[in-house]
Protein backbone atom coordinates (compact mmCIF):
# COMPACT_ATOMS: atom_id res chain seq x y z
CA UNK A 1 -0.12 -0.22 -0.04
CA UNK A 2 1.68 3.13 -1.29
CA UNK A 3 1.16 6.35 0.86
CA UNK A 4 -1.27 8.82 -0.71
CA UNK A 5 -0.93 12.62 -0.64
CA UNK A 6 -3.47 14.26 1.63
CA UNK A 7 -3.71 18.19 1.81
CA UNK A 8 -2.55 19.26 5.27
CA UNK A 9 -6.02 20.65 6.17
CA UNK A 10 -7.35 17.27 5.88
CA UNK A 11 -4.35 15.62 7.71
CA UNK A 12 -4.94 17.63 10.81
CA UNK A 13 -8.64 16.36 11.09
CA UNK A 14 -7.28 12.75 11.17
CA UNK A 15 -7.02 11.16 14.50
CA UNK A 16 -3.75 9.63 15.76
CA UNK A 17 -4.66 6.17 14.87
CA UNK A 18 -5.45 7.23 11.27
CA UNK A 19 -2.24 9.15 11.13
CA UNK A 20 -0.23 6.21 12.23
CA UNK A 21 -1.79 4.21 9.41
CA UNK A 22 -0.74 6.72 7.08
CA UNK A 23 2.99 6.96 8.18
CA UNK A 24 3.72 3.41 8.85
CA UNK A 25 4.31 2.42 5.15
CA UNK A 26 6.65 5.36 4.84
CA UNK A 27 8.59 4.71 7.92
CA UNK A 28 8.71 0.77 6.93
CA UNK A 29 10.13 1.80 3.56
CA UNK A 30 12.77 4.22 5.00
CA UNK A 31 13.77 1.22 7.26
CA UNK A 32 13.91 -1.22 4.62
CA UNK A 33 16.15 1.25 2.67
CA UNK A 34 18.37 1.79 5.48
CA UNK A 35 19.14 -2.08 5.84
CA UNK A 36 19.47 -2.25 2.19
CA UNK A 37 21.99 0.47 1.92
CA UNK A 38 24.07 -0.91 4.68
CA UNK A 39 24.18 -4.44 3.18
CA UNK A 40 25.28 -2.88 -0.19
CA UNK A 41 28.21 -1.02 1.92
CA UNK A 42 29.13 -4.36 3.43
CA UNK A 43 29.17 -5.85 0.10
CA UNK A 44 31.37 -3.11 -1.24
CA UNK A 45 33.87 -3.25 1.48
CA UNK A 46 34.29 -6.99 1.59
CA UNK A 47 34.02 -7.63 -2.03
CA UNK A 48 37.50 -8.98 -2.13
CA UNK A 49 36.86 -11.53 0.47
CA UNK A 50 33.60 -12.59 -0.94
CA UNK A 51 35.10 -13.24 -4.19
CA UNK A 52 37.90 -15.41 -2.93
CA UNK A 53 35.29 -17.75 -1.39
CA UNK A 54 33.00 -18.25 -4.33
CA UNK A 55 33.69 -15.68 -7.18
CA UNK A 56 30.74 -16.95 -9.66
CA UNK A 57 28.01 -16.71 -7.21
CA UNK A 58 25.17 -13.95 -6.94
CA UNK A 59 25.04 -13.05 -3.22
CA UNK A 60 22.03 -12.46 -1.59
CA UNK A 61 21.50 -10.32 1.53
CA UNK A 62 21.62 -13.02 3.89
CA UNK A 63 24.73 -14.58 2.14
CA UNK A 64 26.44 -11.32 2.40
CA UNK A 65 25.58 -10.92 6.24
CA UNK A 66 26.71 -14.55 6.93
CA UNK A 67 30.14 -13.87 5.20
CA UNK A 68 30.51 -10.58 6.89
CA UNK A 69 29.76 -12.42 10.53
CA UNK A 70 32.56 -15.03 9.31
CA UNK A 71 35.03 -12.32 8.29
CA UNK A 72 34.69 -10.31 11.50
CA UNK A 73 35.51 -13.50 13.65
CA UNK A 74 38.38 -14.14 11.92
CA UNK A 75 39.63 -10.59 12.10
CA UNK A 76 38.71 -10.88 16.00
CA UNK A 77 40.62 -14.12 16.42
CA UNK A 78 43.78 -12.54 14.75
CA UNK A 79 43.52 -9.61 16.87
CA UNK A 80 43.52 -11.79 19.90
CA UNK A 81 46.28 -14.05 19.03
CA UNK A 82 48.62 -10.85 18.30
CA UNK A 83 48.86 -10.15 21.71
CA UNK A 84 49.53 -13.55 22.88
CA UNK A 85 52.50 -13.86 20.29
CA UNK A 86 53.84 -10.70 21.47
CA UNK A 87 53.78 -12.13 24.88
CA UNK A 88 55.33 -15.20 23.93
CA UNK A 89 58.06 -13.27 21.85
CA UNK A 90 58.81 -11.10 24.76
CA UNK A 91 58.89 -13.97 27.06
CA UNK A 92 61.51 -15.81 24.83
CA UNK A 93 63.56 -12.41 24.58
CA UNK A 94 63.73 -12.10 28.32
CA UNK A 95 64.93 -15.89 28.60
CA UNK A 96 67.49 -15.24 25.93
CA UNK A 97 68.99 -12.30 27.74
CA UNK A 98 69.04 -13.90 31.22
CA UNK A 99 70.83 -16.96 29.90
CA UNK A 100 73.25 -14.55 28.20
CA UNK A 101 73.54 -12.56 31.33
CA UNK A 102 74.20 -15.70 33.44
CA UNK A 103 76.57 -17.38 31.05
CA UNK A 104 78.56 -14.18 30.88
CA UNK A 105 78.60 -13.71 34.70
CA UNK A 106 79.46 -17.48 35.18
CA UNK A 107 82.38 -16.99 32.78
CA UNK A 108 83.44 -13.99 34.88
CA UNK A 109 83.31 -16.15 38.07
CA UNK A 110 85.38 -19.13 36.43
CA UNK A 111 87.96 -16.43 35.15
CA UNK A 112 88.05 -14.85 38.67
CA UNK A 113 88.49 -18.38 40.41
CA UNK A 114 91.20 -19.08 37.94
CA UNK A 115 92.94 -15.60 38.52
CA UNK A 116 92.77 -16.25 42.34
CA UNK A 117 94.16 -19.71 42.05
CA UNK A 118 97.09 -18.47 39.84
CA UNK A 119 97.80 -15.67 42.50
CA UNK A 120 97.48 -18.04 45.48
CA UNK A 121 99.91 -20.44 43.66
CA UNK A 122 102.55 -17.87 42.78
CA UNK A 123 102.45 -16.59 46.45
CA UNK A 124 103.00 -20.07 47.56
CA UNK A 125 105.88 -20.70 45.33
CA UNK A 126 107.48 -17.53 46.34
CA UNK A 127 107.41 -18.02 49.93
CA UNK A 128 108.43 -21.65 49.96
CA UNK A 129 108.89 -24.68 47.78
CA UNK A 130 105.62 -26.73 48.56
CA UNK A 131 104.43 -29.87 47.30
CA UNK A 132 101.44 -30.16 44.78
CA UNK A 133 99.51 -31.65 47.45
CA UNK A 134 99.59 -28.79 49.78
CA UNK A 135 98.95 -26.42 46.98
CA UNK A 136 95.60 -28.18 46.47
CA UNK A 137 94.77 -27.65 50.07
CA UNK A 138 95.58 -24.12 49.93
CA UNK A 139 93.11 -23.54 46.97
CA UNK A 140 90.28 -25.02 48.95
CA UNK A 141 89.75 -21.92 51.24
CA UNK A 142 89.72 -19.74 48.02
CA UNK A 143 86.83 -21.52 46.53
CA UNK A 144 85.03 -21.08 49.49
CA UNK A 145 85.81 -17.52 49.84
CA UNK A 146 84.56 -16.91 46.45
CA UNK A 147 81.23 -18.81 47.00
CA UNK A 148 80.60 -17.26 50.25
CA UNK A 149 81.23 -13.63 48.83
CA UNK A 150 79.26 -14.18 45.54
CA UNK A 151 75.58 -13.23 45.95
CA UNK A 152 73.18 -15.91 44.80
CA UNK A 153 71.14 -14.79 41.66
CA UNK A 154 67.47 -15.01 42.20
CA UNK A 155 64.85 -14.13 39.48
CA UNK A 156 62.23 -12.82 42.00
């Protein structure tokens, strides 16, 4: 039923119920036009996606809406997985840096221990000729001293 034109004088004489009956088709047509316009916009925006799935089909409005929902779900999944990937990458990077730091510090500790042993051995040799067995005994306190002075690294 198409809306009919009524002069303004006659329109003012109508009751609210009659006015509603006259406006309803016009309002409904505007609503349908808005829906169709939005569906057409979705089709234009996602045309590449639609053609990848099935390039030769004529898409109905329901197809366009369904494919849009699928596309948006895929986009949301990729946005959710991106922060997780960044978190994993950051965690891995942290572990690499920690291992490098610890390995560098352990090399430093081994070097210091070796240097201290060498100095101790030189002092013992200068003071008196000592058997190799006693030099091993003199090294023990040095190892204990180093391990006592060195702070234990804890990640917390």
